[in-house]
């Protein structure tokens, strides 16, 4: 028997079996005849579920090219303006952190420097500063490399720095938006908090910086990486539990970090953490969708510019003739 006949049991389409003669094919068709429509539907559903599971859990996506982490979305090289932009973003994050630590811009400074690390807002600031620093370093390195005449950006490899920048950028984008929405919707209390410049910097400017950067950069967002943001949520939840049982107080002397995250009410605090995890996951999905829209917009703009360039060249040639 030919070797290709060993694969008969693994194939579902009879026409793809060249080694079966007419008599065997008729017998197989006769055997498969009693299958009902319900059975076929069940088989289709089973195969569909297996295909979805294979694509979601077992398919290994190609990693993004390293050049995406050092160049803007609108160009295939690092121009001087982009290099300056990257370090300007870093300076903005650093300025917000300095103002946050020393309470510059606060109407009522409390000088509680030892309480600065306990707030999720400040965790977000550290993440933002870290990703901005790595972005500036990658852009500077690329700017120097491309000065060489025979430099080809396709030879760049995805190293540890690029991967760390990717993780920090994706996490900062979603945590910043999550902090802004959560603060103004569930934490801000006019009786306790002041609507001063520092408050605006901490809970508005953080998201504005990331939204601007999102429109300029070429960082990919993939739906499978939603758990990156959940690691921060889980880590902060564990930290708040440890801080509570250690007897930690907030800046105002209350035995909690945030009023909605009071572990003296464990059910409420647990529901808040679960709700925040769901919210961050939904927010990440929305950001992935916006990233796809941004990509299509840039592609259309690029195609339009190419067409306009070709038309102008054609007109010049016609004028010369």
C-alpha atoms as a PDB file:
ATOM      1  CA  UNK A   1       0.000   0.000   0.000  1.00  0.00           C
ATOM      2  CA  UNK A   2       1.395   3.472  -0.840  1.00  0.00           C
ATOM      3  CA  UNK A   3       2.667   5.632   1.995  1.00  0.00           C
ATOM      4  CA  UNK A   4       0.110   8.375   1.430  1.00  0.00           C
ATOM      5  CA  UNK A   5      -2.630   5.921   2.410  1.00  0.00           C
ATOM      6  CA  UNK A   6      -1.462   6.144   6.038  1.00  0.00           C
ATOM      7  CA  UNK A   7      -3.004   9.625   6.244  1.00  0.00           C
ATOM      8  CA  UNK A   8      -6.523   8.504   5.320  1.00  0.00           C
ATOM      9  CA  UNK A   9      -7.809   8.660   8.910  1.00  0.00           C
ATOM     10  CA  UNK A  10      -6.525  12.212   9.377  1.00  0.00           C
ATOM     11  CA  UNK A  11      -8.189  13.679   6.296  1.00  0.00           C
ATOM     12  CA  UNK A  12     -11.835  14.644   6.109  1.00  0.00           C
ATOM     13  CA  UNK A  13     -12.173  15.405   2.409  1.00  0.00           C
ATOM     14  CA  UNK A  14     -12.419  12.329   0.177  1.00  0.00           C
ATOM     15  CA  UNK A  15     -11.299  14.154  -2.919  1.00  0.00           C
ATOM     16  CA  UNK A  16      -7.864  14.703  -1.333  1.00  0.00           C
ATOM     17  CA  UNK A  17      -7.134  10.945  -1.105  1.00  0.00           C
ATOM     18  CA  UNK A  18      -5.584   9.932  -4.404  1.00  0.00           C
ATOM     19  CA  UNK A  19      -4.796   6.333  -3.393  1.00  0.00           C
ATOM     20  CA  UNK A  20      -8.422   5.181  -2.929  1.00  0.00           C
ATOM     21  CA  UNK A  21     -10.051   3.582  -5.922  1.00  0.00           C
ATOM     22  CA  UNK A  22     -13.670   3.950  -6.887  1.00  0.00           C
ATOM     23  CA  UNK A  23     -14.950   0.939  -4.922  1.00  0.00           C
ATOM     24  CA  UNK A  24     -13.407   2.023  -1.618  1.00  0.00           C
ATOM     25  CA  UNK A  25     -14.583   5.599  -2.157  1.00  0.00           C
ATOM     26  CA  UNK A  26     -18.147   4.428  -2.763  1.00  0.00           C
ATOM     27  CA  UNK A  27     -18.019   2.309   0.379  1.00  0.00           C
ATOM     28  CA  UNK A  28     -16.815   5.261   2.447  1.00  0.00           C
ATOM     29  CA  UNK A  29     -19.527   7.476   1.013  1.00  0.00           C
ATOM     30  CA  UNK A  30     -22.124   4.816   1.827  1.00  0.00           C
ATOM     31  CA  UNK A  31     -20.814   4.604   5.403  1.00  0.00           C
ATOM     32  CA  UNK A  32     -20.902   8.410   5.847  1.00  0.00           C
ATOM     33  CA  UNK A  33     -24.434   8.733   4.445  1.00  0.00           C
ATOM     34  CA  UNK A  34     -26.348   8.223   7.722  1.00  0.00           C
ATOM     35  CA  UNK A  35     -24.779  11.360   9.285  1.00  0.00           C
ATOM     36  CA  UNK A  36     -27.585  13.792  10.103  1.00  0.00           C
ATOM     37  CA  UNK A  37     -27.555  17.552   9.770  1.00  0.00           C
ATOM     38  CA  UNK A  38     -27.354  17.869  13.567  1.00  0.00           C
ATOM     39  CA  UNK A  39     -24.289  15.669  13.575  1.00  0.00           C
ATOM     40  CA  UNK A  40     -22.666  17.741  10.860  1.00  0.00           C
ATOM     41  CA  UNK A  41     -23.493  20.942  12.743  1.00  0.00           C
ATOM     42  CA  UNK A  42     -21.959  19.516  15.912  1.00  0.00           C
ATOM     43  CA  UNK A  43     -18.816  18.528  14.010  1.00  0.00           C
ATOM     44  CA  UNK A  44     -18.564  21.991  12.455  1.00  0.00           C
ATOM     45  CA  UNK A  45     -18.974  23.635  15.863  1.00  0.00           C
ATOM     46  CA  UNK A  46     -16.351  21.345  17.330  1.00  0.00           C
ATOM     47  CA  UNK A  47     -13.868  22.070  14.555  1.00  0.00           C
ATOM     48  CA  UNK A  48     -14.611  25.813  14.827  1.00  0.00           C
ATOM     49  CA  UNK A  49     -13.972  25.833  18.580  1.00  0.00           C
ATOM     50  CA  UNK A  50     -10.762  23.878  18.069  1.00  0.00           C
ATOM     51  CA  UNK A  51      -9.630  26.344  15.415  1.00  0.00           C
ATOM     52  CA  UNK A  52     -10.348  29.337  17.678  1.00  0.00           C
ATOM     53  CA  UNK A  53      -8.539  27.669  20.559  1.00  0.00           C
ATOM     54  CA  UNK A  54      -5.583  26.870  18.329  1.00  0.00           C
ATOM     55  CA  UNK A  55      -5.293  30.432  17.074  1.00  0.00           C
ATOM     56  CA  UNK A  56      -5.717  31.940  20.558  1.00  0.00           C
ATOM     57  CA  UNK A  57      -3.602  29.624  22.693  1.00  0.00           C
ATOM     58  CA  UNK A  58      -1.225  27.799  20.372  1.00  0.00           C
ATOM     59  CA  UNK A  59      -0.505  30.156  17.500  1.00  0.00           C
ATOM     60  CA  UNK A  60       2.791  31.910  18.009  1.00  0.00           C
ATOM     61  CA  UNK A  61       2.622  35.445  16.680  1.00  0.00           C
ATOM     62  CA  UNK A  62       5.612  36.930  14.998  1.00  0.00           C
ATOM     63  CA  UNK A  63       7.256  39.471  17.323  1.00  0.00           C
ATOM     64  CA  UNK A  64       7.218  43.072  16.111  1.00  0.00           C
ATOM     65  CA  UNK A  65      10.291  44.379  14.362  1.00  0.00           C
ATOM     66  CA  UNK A  66      12.730  46.284  16.525  1.00  0.00           C
ATOM     67  CA  UNK A  67      12.508  49.373  14.298  1.00  0.00           C
ATOM     68  CA  UNK A  68       8.929  50.021  15.516  1.00  0.00           C
ATOM     69  CA  UNK A  69      10.240  51.006  18.953  1.00  0.00           C
ATOM     70  CA  UNK A  70      12.641  53.695  17.753  1.00  0.00           C
ATOM     71  CA  UNK A  71      10.820  55.452  14.907  1.00  0.00           C
ATOM     72  CA  UNK A  72       7.585  57.466  14.695  1.00  0.00           C
ATOM     73  CA  UNK A  73       4.471  56.185  12.992  1.00  0.00           C
ATOM     74  CA  UNK A  74       4.669  58.733  10.188  1.00  0.00           C
ATOM     75  CA  UNK A  75       8.288  58.119   9.159  1.00  0.00           C
ATOM     76  CA  UNK A  76      10.655  55.210   8.590  1.00  0.00           C
ATOM     77  CA  UNK A  77      13.604  56.980  10.167  1.00  0.00           C
ATOM     78  CA  UNK A  78      14.364  59.058  13.236  1.00  0.00           C
ATOM     79  CA  UNK A  79      14.334  62.729  12.366  1.00  0.00           C
ATOM     80  CA  UNK A  80      15.738  65.410  14.643  1.00  0.00           C
ATOM     81  CA  UNK A  81      12.248  66.541  15.622  1.00  0.00           C
ATOM     82  CA  UNK A  82      11.353  63.048  16.851  1.00  0.00           C
ATOM     83  CA  UNK A  83      14.539  62.773  18.894  1.00  0.00           C
ATOM     84  CA  UNK A  84      13.774  66.098  20.567  1.00  0.00           C
ATOM     85  CA  UNK A  85      10.173  65.024  21.051  1.00  0.00           C
ATOM     86  CA  UNK A  86      11.194  61.830  22.855  1.00  0.00           C
ATOM     87  CA  UNK A  87      13.360  63.670  25.348  1.00  0.00           C
ATOM     88  CA  UNK A  88      10.713  66.364  25.775  1.00  0.00           C
ATOM     89  CA  UNK A  89       8.258  63.643  26.803  1.00  0.00           C
ATOM     90  CA  UNK A  90      10.816  62.326  29.295  1.00  0.00           C
ATOM     91  CA  UNK A  91      11.304  65.834  30.695  1.00  0.00           C
ATOM     92  CA  UNK A  92       7.539  66.232  31.119  1.00  0.00           C
ATOM     93  CA  UNK A  93       7.259  62.989  33.112  1.00  0.00           C
ATOM     94  CA  UNK A  94      10.267  63.927  35.242  1.00  0.00           C
ATOM     95  CA  UNK A  95       8.798  67.371  35.948  1.00  0.00           C
ATOM     96  CA  UNK A  96       5.479  65.864  37.073  1.00  0.00           C
ATOM     97  CA  UNK A  97       7.302  63.486  39.435  1.00  0.00           C
ATOM     98  CA  UNK A  98       9.339  66.318  40.972  1.00  0.00           C
ATOM     99  CA  UNK A  99       6.190  68.401  41.459  1.00  0.00           C
ATOM    100  CA  UNK A 100       4.430  65.383  42.962  1.00  0.00           C
ATOM    101  CA  UNK A 101       7.176  64.583  45.472  1.00  0.00           C
ATOM    102  CA  UNK A 102       7.716  68.170  46.651  1.00  0.00           C
ATOM    103  CA  UNK A 103       4.047  69.137  46.148  1.00  0.00           C
ATOM    104  CA  UNK A 104       4.732  72.061  43.852  1.00  0.00           C
ATOM    105  CA  UNK A 105       1.414  73.473  42.671  1.00  0.00           C
ATOM    106  CA  UNK A 106      -0.561  72.235  45.674  1.00  0.00           C
ATOM    107  CA  UNK A 107      -2.834  74.663  47.518  1.00  0.00           C
ATOM    108  CA  UNK A 108      -2.329  72.768  50.761  1.00  0.00           C
ATOM    109  CA  UNK A 109       0.998  70.875  50.859  1.00  0.00           C
ATOM    110  CA  UNK A 110       1.249  68.250  53.593  1.00  0.00           C
ATOM    111  CA  UNK A 111       4.944  67.324  53.273  1.00  0.00           C
ATOM    112  CA  UNK A 112       4.124  63.621  53.688  1.00  0.00           C
ATOM    113  CA  UNK A 113       7.088  62.416  51.655  1.00  0.00           C
ATOM    114  CA  UNK A 114       7.080  58.942  53.174  1.00  0.00           C
ATOM    115  CA  UNK A 115       3.542  58.349  51.865  1.00  0.00           C
ATOM    116  CA  UNK A 116       4.412  59.123  48.250  1.00  0.00           C
ATOM    117  CA  UNK A 117       5.120  55.499  47.161  1.00  0.00           C
ATOM    118  CA  UNK A 118       1.792  54.087  48.432  1.00  0.00           C
ATOM    119  CA  UNK A 119      -0.474  55.653  45.796  1.00  0.00           C
ATOM    120  CA  UNK A 120      -1.250  54.021  42.459  1.00  0.00           C
ATOM    121  CA  UNK A 121      -1.057  57.433  40.791  1.00  0.00           C
ATOM    122  CA  UNK A 122       2.604  57.654  41.712  1.00  0.00           C
ATOM    123  CA  UNK A 123       3.206  54.090  40.522  1.00  0.00           C
ATOM    124  CA  UNK A 124       1.872  55.278  37.181  1.00  0.00           C
ATOM    125  CA  UNK A 125       4.289  58.211  37.217  1.00  0.00           C
ATOM    126  CA  UNK A 126       7.244  55.889  37.777  1.00  0.00           C
ATOM    127  CA  UNK A 127       6.082  53.657  34.931  1.00  0.00           C
ATOM    128  CA  UNK A 128       5.668  56.688  32.679  1.00  0.00           C
ATOM    129  CA  UNK A 129       9.139  58.007  33.487  1.00  0.00           C
ATOM    130  CA  UNK A 130      10.698  54.571  32.890  1.00  0.00           C
ATOM    131  CA  UNK A 131       9.108  54.037  29.493  1.00  0.00           C
ATOM    132  CA  UNK A 132       9.922  57.610  28.427  1.00  0.00           C
ATOM    133  CA  UNK A 133      13.570  57.070  29.385  1.00  0.00           C
ATOM    134  CA  UNK A 134      13.818  53.851  27.376  1.00  0.00           C
ATOM    135  CA  UNK A 135      12.050  55.505  24.427  1.00  0.00           C
ATOM    136  CA  UNK A 136      14.542  58.354  24.467  1.00  0.00           C
ATOM    137  CA  UNK A 137      17.517  55.981  24.647  1.00  0.00           C
ATOM    138  CA  UNK A 138      16.251  53.853  21.743  1.00  0.00           C
ATOM    139  CA  UNK A 139      15.565  56.914  19.588  1.00  0.00           C
ATOM    140  CA  UNK A 140      19.028  58.324  20.364  1.00  0.00           C
ATOM    141  CA  UNK A 141      20.732  55.056  19.495  1.00  0.00           C
ATOM    142  CA  UNK A 142      18.797  54.780  16.232  1.00  0.00           C
ATOM    143  CA  UNK A 143      19.568  58.410  15.381  1.00  0.00           C
ATOM    144  CA  UNK A 144      23.296  57.710  15.745  1.00  0.00           C
ATOM    145  CA  UNK A 145      23.186  54.423  13.817  1.00  0.00           C
ATOM    146  CA  UNK A 146      21.398  55.891  10.819  1.00  0.00           C
ATOM    147  CA  UNK A 147      24.194  58.433  10.304  1.00  0.00           C
ATOM    148  CA  UNK A 148      26.198  55.586   8.785  1.00  0.00           C
ATOM    149  CA  UNK A 149      25.692  55.605   5.020  1.00  0.00           C
ATOM    150  CA  UNK A 150      25.076  51.863   4.638  1.00  0.00           C
ATOM    151  CA  UNK A 151      22.839  51.501   7.703  1.00  0.00           C
ATOM    152  CA  UNK A 152      19.778  49.299   7.157  1.00  0.00           C
ATOM    153  CA  UNK A 153      17.085  49.433   9.910  1.00  0.00           C
ATOM    154  CA  UNK A 154      15.930  45.924   8.987  1.00  0.00           C
ATOM    155  CA  UNK A 155      19.021  44.494  10.695  1.00  0.00           C
ATOM    156  CA  UNK A 156      17.880  45.771  14.092  1.00  0.00           C
ATOM    157  CA  UNK A 157      17.036  42.978  16.525  1.00  0.00           C
ATOM    158  CA  UNK A 158      14.409  42.857  19.247  1.00  0.00           C
ATOM    159  CA  UNK A 159      16.500  42.934  22.377  1.00  0.00           C
ATOM    160  CA  UNK A 160      15.787  43.193  26.083  1.00  0.00           C
ATOM    161  CA  UNK A 161      15.596  47.001  25.975  1.00  0.00           C
ATOM    162  CA  UNK A 162      12.951  46.962  23.230  1.00  0.00           C
ATOM    163  CA  UNK A 163      10.907  44.320  25.044  1.00  0.00           C
ATOM    164  CA  UNK A 164      11.074  46.228  28.332  1.00  0.00           C
ATOM    165  CA  UNK A 165      10.036  49.433  26.549  1.00  0.00           C
ATOM    166  CA  UNK A 166       7.141  47.617  24.876  1.00  0.00           C
ATOM    167  CA  UNK A 167       5.881  46.249  28.202  1.00  0.00           C
ATOM    168  CA  UNK A 168       6.257  49.537  30.074  1.00  0.00           C
ATOM    169  CA  UNK A 169       4.656  51.574  27.290  1.00  0.00           C
ATOM    170  CA  UNK A 170       1.592  49.309  26.995  1.00  0.00           C
ATOM    171  CA  UNK A 171       1.157  49.167  30.768  1.00  0.00           C
ATOM    172  CA  UNK A 172       1.608  52.913  31.261  1.00  0.00           C
ATOM    173  CA  UNK A 173      -0.902  53.710  28.516  1.00  0.00           C
ATOM    174  CA  UNK A 174      -3.668  51.729  30.173  1.00  0.00           C
ATOM    175  CA  UNK A 175      -2.809  52.425  33.810  1.00  0.00           C
ATOM    176  CA  UNK A 176      -2.667  56.173  33.106  1.00  0.00           C
ATOM    177  CA  UNK A 177      -6.121  56.171  31.531  1.00  0.00           C
ATOM    178  CA  UNK A 178      -7.422  53.885  34.282  1.00  0.00           C
ATOM    179  CA  UNK A 179      -6.035  56.143  37.024  1.00  0.00           C
ATOM    180  CA  UNK A 180      -7.565  59.246  35.458  1.00  0.00           C
ATOM    181  CA  UNK A 181     -11.030  57.743  35.014  1.00  0.00           C
ATOM    182  CA  UNK A 182     -11.055  55.990  38.402  1.00  0.00           C
ATOM    183  CA  UNK A 183      -9.867  59.057  40.286  1.00  0.00           C
ATOM    184  CA  UNK A 184     -12.402  61.518  38.900  1.00  0.00           C
ATOM    185  CA  UNK A 185     -15.289  59.022  38.985  1.00  0.00           C
ATOM    186  CA  UNK A 186     -14.848  57.329  42.368  1.00  0.00           C
ATOM    187  CA  UNK A 187     -12.071  58.884  44.468  1.00  0.00           C
ATOM    188  CA  UNK A 188     -12.147  62.660  44.052  1.00  0.00           C
ATOM    189  CA  UNK A 189     -13.980  64.386  46.893  1.00  0.00           C
ATOM    190  CA  UNK A 190     -14.143  68.211  46.887  1.00  0.00           C
ATOM    191  CA  UNK A 191     -14.271  68.189  50.696  1.00  0.00           C
ATOM    192  CA  UNK A 192     -10.885  66.469  50.913  1.00  0.00           C
ATOM    193  CA  UNK A 193      -9.097  67.013  47.608  1.00  0.00           C
ATOM    194  CA  UNK A 194      -8.249  70.346  46.052  1.00  0.00           C
ATOM    195  CA  UNK A 195      -8.650  71.130  42.361  1.00  0.00           C
ATOM    196  CA  UNK A 196      -5.199  72.673  42.144  1.00  0.00           C
ATOM    197  CA  UNK A 197      -2.495  72.559  39.435  1.00  0.00           C
ATOM    198  CA  UNK A 198      -0.798  69.576  41.084  1.00  0.00           C
ATOM    199  CA  UNK A 199      -4.011  67.554  41.036  1.00  0.00           C
ATOM    200  CA  UNK A 200      -4.470  68.347  37.348  1.00  0.00           C
ATOM    201  CA  UNK A 201      -0.897  67.296  36.586  1.00  0.00           C
ATOM    202  CA  UNK A 202      -1.241  64.004  38.442  1.00  0.00           C
ATOM    203  CA  UNK A 203      -4.670  62.941  37.181  1.00  0.00           C
ATOM    204  CA  UNK A 204      -5.086  64.664  33.798  1.00  0.00           C
ATOM    205  CA  UNK A 205      -1.682  65.413  32.306  1.00  0.00           C
ATOM    206  CA  UNK A 206      -0.562  61.803  32.736  1.00  0.00           C
ATOM    207  CA  UNK A 207      -3.263  60.626  30.324  1.00  0.00           C
ATOM    208  CA  UNK A 208      -2.729  63.565  27.960  1.00  0.00           C
ATOM    209  CA  UNK A 209       0.967  62.681  27.641  1.00  0.00           C
ATOM    210  CA  UNK A 210       0.160  59.065  26.803  1.00  0.00           C
ATOM    211  CA  UNK A 211      -2.589  59.961  24.319  1.00  0.00           C
ATOM    212  CA  UNK A 212      -0.241  62.323  22.458  1.00  0.00           C
ATOM    213  CA  UNK A 213       2.496  59.698  22.506  1.00  0.00           C
ATOM    214  CA  UNK A 214       0.034  57.049  21.311  1.00  0.00           C
ATOM    215  CA  UNK A 215      -0.751  59.138  18.223  1.00  0.00           C
ATOM    216  CA  UNK A 216       2.926  59.686  17.385  1.00  0.00           C
ATOM    217  CA  UNK A 217       4.673  56.408  18.187  1.00  0.00           C
ATOM    218  CA  UNK A 218       4.667  53.111  16.318  1.00  0.00           C
ATOM    219  CA  UNK A 219       4.295  50.821  19.347  1.00  0.00           C
ATOM    220  CA  UNK A 220       2.089  47.780  18.603  1.00  0.00           C
ATOM    221  CA  UNK A 221      -0.798  46.723  20.860  1.00  0.00           C
ATOM    222  CA  UNK A 222      -1.859  43.079  20.771  1.00  0.00           C
ATOM    223  CA  UNK A 223      -4.999  41.753  22.393  1.00  0.00           C
ATOM    224  CA  UNK A 224      -3.189  38.728  23.821  1.00  0.00           C
ATOM    225  CA  UNK A 225      -1.071  41.019  25.991  1.00  0.00           C
ATOM    226  CA  UNK A 226      -3.994  42.239  28.107  1.00  0.00           C
ATOM    227  CA  UNK A 227      -2.548  40.417  31.119  1.00  0.00           C
ATOM    228  CA  UNK A 228       0.428  42.799  31.186  1.00  0.00           C
ATOM    229  CA  UNK A 229      -1.782  45.490  32.701  1.00  0.00           C
ATOM    230  CA  UNK A 230      -3.400  43.012  35.068  1.00  0.00           C
ATOM    231  CA  UNK A 231       0.004  42.296  36.622  1.00  0.00           C
ATOM    232  CA  UNK A 232       0.114  45.904  37.862  1.00  0.00           C
ATOM    233  CA  UNK A 233      -3.442  45.668  39.219  1.00  0.00           C
ATOM    234  CA  UNK A 234      -2.629  42.392  40.972  1.00  0.00           C
ATOM    235  CA  UNK A 235       0.652  43.732  42.317  1.00  0.00           C
ATOM    236  CA  UNK A 236      -0.975  46.862  43.731  1.00  0.00           C
ATOM    237  CA  UNK A 237      -3.753  44.781  45.299  1.00  0.00           C
ATOM    238  CA  UNK A 238      -1.187  42.627  47.122  1.00  0.00           C
ATOM    239  CA  UNK A 239       0.713  45.729  48.185  1.00  0.00           C
ATOM    240  CA  UNK A 240      -2.427  47.392  49.582  1.00  0.00           C
ATOM    241  CA  UNK A 241      -3.226  44.226  51.584  1.00  0.00           C
ATOM    242  CA  UNK A 242       0.262  44.056  53.061  1.00  0.00           C
ATOM    243  CA  UNK A 243       0.209  47.780  53.816  1.00  0.00           C
ATOM    244  CA  UNK A 244      -3.168  47.453  55.552  1.00  0.00           C
ATOM    245  CA  UNK A 245      -2.140  44.535  57.788  1.00  0.00           C
ATOM    246  CA  UNK A 246       1.108  46.337  58.592  1.00  0.00           C
ATOM    247  CA  UNK A 247      -0.975  49.193  60.021  1.00  0.00           C
ATOM    248  CA  UNK A 248      -0.185  51.682  57.267  1.00  0.00           C
ATOM    249  CA  UNK A 249      -1.996  55.029  57.068  1.00  0.00           C
ATOM    250  CA  UNK A 250      -2.653  57.452  54.236  1.00  0.00           C
ATOM    251  CA  UNK A 251      -1.607  61.124  54.208  1.00  0.00           C
ATOM    252  CA  UNK A 252      -4.660  62.120  56.224  1.00  0.00           C
ATOM    253  CA  UNK A 253      -4.120  59.479  58.910  1.00  0.00           C
ATOM    254  CA  UNK A 254      -6.811  57.009  57.786  1.00  0.00           C
ATOM    255  CA  UNK A 255      -6.172  53.265  57.945  1.00  0.00           C
ATOM    256  CA  UNK A 256      -6.415  52.803  54.198  1.00  0.00           C
ATOM    257  CA  UNK A 257      -4.806  54.118  51.030  1.00  0.00           C
ATOM    258  CA  UNK A 258      -8.030  54.910  49.193  1.00  0.00           C
ATOM    259  CA  UNK A 259     -11.444  55.055  50.799  1.00  0.00           C
ATOM    260  CA  UNK A 260     -12.912  52.660  48.228  1.00  0.00           C
ATOM    261  CA  UNK A 261     -10.025  50.245  48.938  1.00  0.00           C
ATOM    262  CA  UNK A 262     -10.627  49.885  52.668  1.00  0.00           C
ATOM    263  CA  UNK A 263      -9.733  46.317  53.670  1.00  0.00           C
ATOM    264  CA  UNK A 264     -11.764  46.683  56.870  1.00  0.00           C
ATOM    265  CA  UNK A 265     -14.583  46.039  54.399  1.00  0.00           C
ATOM    266  CA  UNK A 266     -13.083  43.028  52.585  1.00  0.00           C
ATOM    267  CA  UNK A 267     -16.078  42.316  50.347  1.00  0.00           C
ATOM    268  CA  UNK A 268     -16.217  45.882  49.061  1.00  0.00           C
ATOM    269  CA  UNK A 269     -12.442  46.049  48.580  1.00  0.00           C
ATOM    270  CA  UNK A 270     -12.400  42.722  46.728  1.00  0.00           C
ATOM    271  CA  UNK A 271     -15.210  43.831  44.430  1.00  0.00           C
ATOM    272  CA  UNK A 272     -13.367  47.080  43.736  1.00  0.00           C
ATOM    273  CA  UNK A 273     -10.221  45.172  42.756  1.00  0.00           C
ATOM    274  CA  UNK A 274     -12.164  42.794  40.505  1.00  0.00           C
ATOM    275  CA  UNK A 275     -14.034  45.706  38.941  1.00  0.00           C
ATOM    276  CA  UNK A 276     -10.778  47.534  38.292  1.00  0.00           C
ATOM    277  CA  UNK A 277      -9.320  44.414  36.647  1.00  0.00           C
ATOM    278  CA  UNK A 278     -12.355  44.123  34.360  1.00  0.00           C
ATOM    279  CA  UNK A 279     -12.224  47.847  33.588  1.00  0.00           C
ATOM    280  CA  UNK A 280      -8.527  47.711  32.706  1.00  0.00           C
ATOM    281  CA  UNK A 281      -9.158  44.704  30.425  1.00  0.00           C
ATOM    282  CA  UNK A 282     -11.993  46.497  28.606  1.00  0.00           C
ATOM    283  CA  UNK A 283      -9.899  49.650  28.370  1.00  0.00           C
ATOM    284  CA  UNK A 284      -7.024  47.690  26.872  1.00  0.00           C
ATOM    285  CA  UNK A 285      -9.367  46.206  24.258  1.00  0.00           C
ATOM    286  CA  UNK A 286     -10.520  49.704  23.318  1.00  0.00           C
ATOM    287  CA  UNK A 287      -6.905  50.871  23.001  1.00  0.00           C
ATOM    288  CA  UNK A 288      -6.152  47.897  20.714  1.00  0.00           C
ATOM    289  CA  UNK A 289      -9.091  48.914  18.536  1.00  0.00           C
ATOM    290  CA  UNK A 290      -7.902  52.518  18.420  1.00  0.00           C
ATOM    291  CA  UNK A 291      -4.428  51.306  17.466  1.00  0.00           C
ATOM    292  CA  UNK A 292      -5.897  49.475  14.476  1.00  0.00           C
ATOM    293  CA  UNK A 293      -7.844  52.594  13.463  1.00  0.00           C
ATOM    294  CA  UNK A 294      -4.688  54.692  13.798  1.00  0.00           C
ATOM    295  CA  UNK A 295      -2.798  52.253  11.577  1.00  0.00           C
ATOM    296  CA  UNK A 296      -5.456  52.427   8.862  1.00  0.00           C
ATOM    297  CA  UNK A 297      -5.540  56.224   8.990  1.00  0.00           C
ATOM    298  CA  UNK A 298      -1.770  56.431   8.581  1.00  0.00           C
ATOM    299  CA  UNK A 299      -1.890  53.923   5.711  1.00  0.00           C
ATOM    300  CA  UNK A 300      -4.536  55.980   3.905  1.00  0.00           C
ATOM    301  CA  UNK A 301      -2.556  59.177   4.446  1.00  0.00           C
ATOM    302  CA  UNK A 302       0.572  57.480   3.130  1.00  0.00           C
ATOM    303  CA  UNK A 303      -1.210  56.172   0.029  1.00  0.00           C
ATOM    304  CA  UNK A 304      -2.709  59.600  -0.612  1.00  0.00           C
ATOM    305  CA  UNK A 305       0.687  61.311  -0.335  1.00  0.00           C
ATOM    306  CA  UNK A 306       2.234  58.778  -2.728  1.00  0.00           C
ATOM    307  CA  UNK A 307      -0.531  59.351  -5.276  1.00  0.00           C
ATOM    308  CA  UNK A 308      -0.140  63.121  -5.000  1.00  0.00           C
ATOM    309  CA  UNK A 309       3.616  62.810  -5.465  1.00  0.00           C
ATOM    310  CA  UNK A 310       3.187  60.657  -8.556  1.00  0.00           C
ATOM    311  CA  UNK A 311       0.668  63.101 -10.013  1.00  0.00           C
ATOM    312  CA  UNK A 312       2.999  66.033  -9.452  1.00  0.00           C
ATOM    313  CA  UNK A 313       5.864  64.165 -11.119  1.00  0.00           C
ATOM    314  CA  UNK A 314       3.625  63.304 -14.076  1.00  0.00           C
ATOM    315  CA  UNK A 315       2.561  66.938 -14.445  1.00  0.00           C
ATOM    316  CA  UNK A 316       6.178  68.115 -14.376  1.00  0.00           C
ATOM    317  CA  UNK A 317       7.124  65.621 -17.069  1.00  0.00           C
ATOM    318  CA  UNK A 318       4.172  66.760 -19.181  1.00  0.00           C
ATOM    319  CA  UNK A 319       5.253  70.393 -18.805  1.00  0.00           C
ATOM    320  CA  UNK A 320       8.805  69.489 -19.857  1.00  0.00           C
ATOM    321  CA  UNK A 321       7.534  67.690 -22.949  1.00  0.00           C
END
